[in-house]
Protein backbone atom coordinates (compact mmCIF):
# COMPACT_ATOMS: atom_id res chain seq x y z
CA GLN A 1 22.43 -7.76 16.72
CA VAL A 2 22.34 -8.42 12.04
CA GLN A 3 20.30 -10.78 10.09
CA LEU A 4 19.97 -10.79 6.52
CA VAL A 5 17.01 -12.36 5.15
CA GLU A 6 17.04 -13.68 1.75
CA SER A 7 13.44 -14.79 -0.22
CA GLY A 8 11.87 -15.29 -3.37
CA GLY A 9 13.67 -18.25 -4.81
CA GLY A 10 11.48 -20.53 -5.97
CA LEU A 11 11.56 -23.59 -9.13
CA VAL A 12 11.22 -21.96 -13.09
CA GLN A 13 11.90 -22.57 -16.38
CA PRO A 14 14.34 -21.55 -18.68
CA GLY A 15 13.71 -18.46 -20.08
CA GLY A 16 11.53 -17.37 -17.01
CA SER A 17 12.27 -14.64 -14.57
CA LEU A 18 12.74 -14.55 -10.77
CA ARG A 19 13.21 -11.46 -8.41
CA LEU A 20 15.05 -11.97 -4.76
CA SER A 21 14.84 -10.33 -1.86
CA CYS A 22 17.10 -10.06 0.56
CA ALA A 23 16.29 -8.23 4.50
CA VAL A 24 18.74 -6.76 6.75
CA SER A 25 17.37 -5.60 9.90
CA GLY A 26 21.00 -4.40 13.11
CA ALA A 27 22.56 -2.35 10.51
CA ILE A 28 22.41 1.40 9.12
CA PHE A 29 21.41 -0.38 5.52
CA SER A 30 21.85 2.91 3.57
CA LEU A 31 26.23 3.13 4.54
CA LYS A 32 26.21 -1.01 3.18
CA THR A 33 27.13 -2.80 -0.11
CA ILE A 34 25.61 -5.92 -0.71
CA ASN A 35 26.40 -8.42 -2.05
CA TRP A 36 24.55 -11.62 -3.94
CA TYR A 37 26.60 -14.20 -3.96
CA ARG A 38 25.35 -18.51 -5.55
CA ARG A 39 27.06 -21.29 -4.42
CA ALA A 40 26.09 -24.21 -7.36
CA PRO A 41 26.65 -27.79 -7.13
CA GLY A 42 29.76 -29.10 -6.72
CA LYS A 43 30.89 -25.78 -7.22
CA GLU A 44 33.04 -22.86 -5.40
CA ARG A 45 31.41 -19.93 -4.24
CA GLU A 46 30.89 -16.83 -6.83
CA LEU A 47 30.56 -13.16 -6.37
CA VAL A 48 26.86 -12.72 -8.41
CA ALA A 49 26.69 -8.64 -8.33
CA ALA A 50 27.17 -6.02 -5.75
CA ILE A 51 25.58 -2.95 -4.95
CA THR A 52 27.62 0.09 -3.22
CA SER A 53 25.95 2.61 -1.04
CA GLY A 54 25.90 4.74 -3.73
CA GLY A 55 24.27 2.64 -5.82
CA THR A 56 26.42 1.97 -9.04
CA THR A 57 26.79 -1.89 -9.60
CA ASN A 58 28.77 -4.33 -10.25
CA TYR A 59 27.73 -7.89 -11.77
CA ALA A 60 29.69 -11.67 -12.57
CA ASP A 61 30.25 -11.63 -16.84
CA SER A 62 28.41 -14.72 -16.30
CA VAL A 63 25.51 -13.11 -15.55
CA ARG A 64 26.00 -9.42 -17.10
CA GLY A 65 22.76 -7.75 -18.83
CA ARG A 66 20.32 -11.04 -17.71
CA PHE A 67 20.60 -10.17 -13.78
CA ILE A 68 19.80 -6.93 -12.44
CA ILE A 69 20.42 -5.51 -8.13
CA SER A 70 19.54 -2.34 -6.75
CA ARG A 71 18.20 -1.23 -3.61
CA ASP A 72 15.26 0.00 -1.83
CA ASN A 73 16.80 1.76 1.90
CA SER A 74 13.46 3.06 2.56
CA LYS A 75 13.06 -0.98 3.72
CA ASN A 76 16.33 -1.78 4.46
CA THR A 77 15.65 -4.22 1.59
CA GLY A 78 17.86 -5.50 -1.58
CA TYR A 79 17.37 -7.09 -4.85
CA LEU A 80 18.24 -9.39 -7.42
CA GLN A 81 16.29 -9.45 -11.18
CA MET A 82 17.23 -13.10 -12.19
CA ASN A 83 15.88 -13.08 -16.54
CA SER A 84 16.42 -15.04 -18.92
CA LEU A 85 17.40 -17.43 -16.18
CA LYS A 86 19.01 -20.69 -17.37
CA PRO A 87 19.62 -24.08 -16.53
CA GLU A 88 23.64 -23.64 -14.84
CA ASP A 89 21.82 -20.33 -12.47
CA THR A 90 20.80 -22.98 -10.34
CA ALA A 91 22.24 -22.48 -7.28
CA VAL A 92 21.89 -21.84 -3.29
CA TYR A 93 21.34 -17.73 -3.48
CA TYR A 94 23.09 -15.44 -0.67
CA CYS A 95 22.97 -12.10 0.69
CA GLN A 96 25.89 -9.95 2.36
CA ILE A 97 27.45 -7.23 4.00
CA TRP A 98 30.47 -6.33 5.89
CA GLU A 99 29.20 -5.03 9.82
CA LEU A 100 32.10 -3.92 11.72
CA ASN A 101 34.63 -5.60 10.22
CA ILE A 102 32.29 -9.05 10.89
CA ASN A 103 30.78 -10.32 7.13
CA TYR A 104 27.11 -11.83 7.48
CA TRP A 105 25.42 -13.82 5.47
CA GLY A 106 21.38 -15.00 5.33
CA LYS A 107 20.76 -18.54 4.40
CA GLY A 108 19.70 -18.49 1.47
CA THR A 109 17.86 -18.98 -1.45
CA LEU A 110 18.14 -22.08 -3.73
CA VAL A 111 16.38 -21.30 -6.90
CA THR A 112 16.46 -23.97 -9.99
CA VAL A 113 16.19 -23.95 -13.31
CA SER A 114 14.86 -26.84 -14.82
CA SER A 115 11.89 -27.43 -17.60
């Protein structure tokens, strides 16, 4: 059974940093594109960043230059390094993969950026 578990969220001051992790089990992790989404209060879900099996990355304009997505295939884990955080980055962050045409999500981790 495919499972995704996010961790690393928390409360951080504006300008601070956090690193989120996404541990994946039940899938051939090295072959998967890992996507990070977020949903802020009262807003639509937004694709934040993605990394393909070959290491190609893509970012939303709102986070490009501040966030870095990466993966460690030996640990079946994806990461989202978030720097220069802003209050508007406050959201629940989710990782997501496709496996056999099924969309799998983690339960999310809350990031709150506030002074």
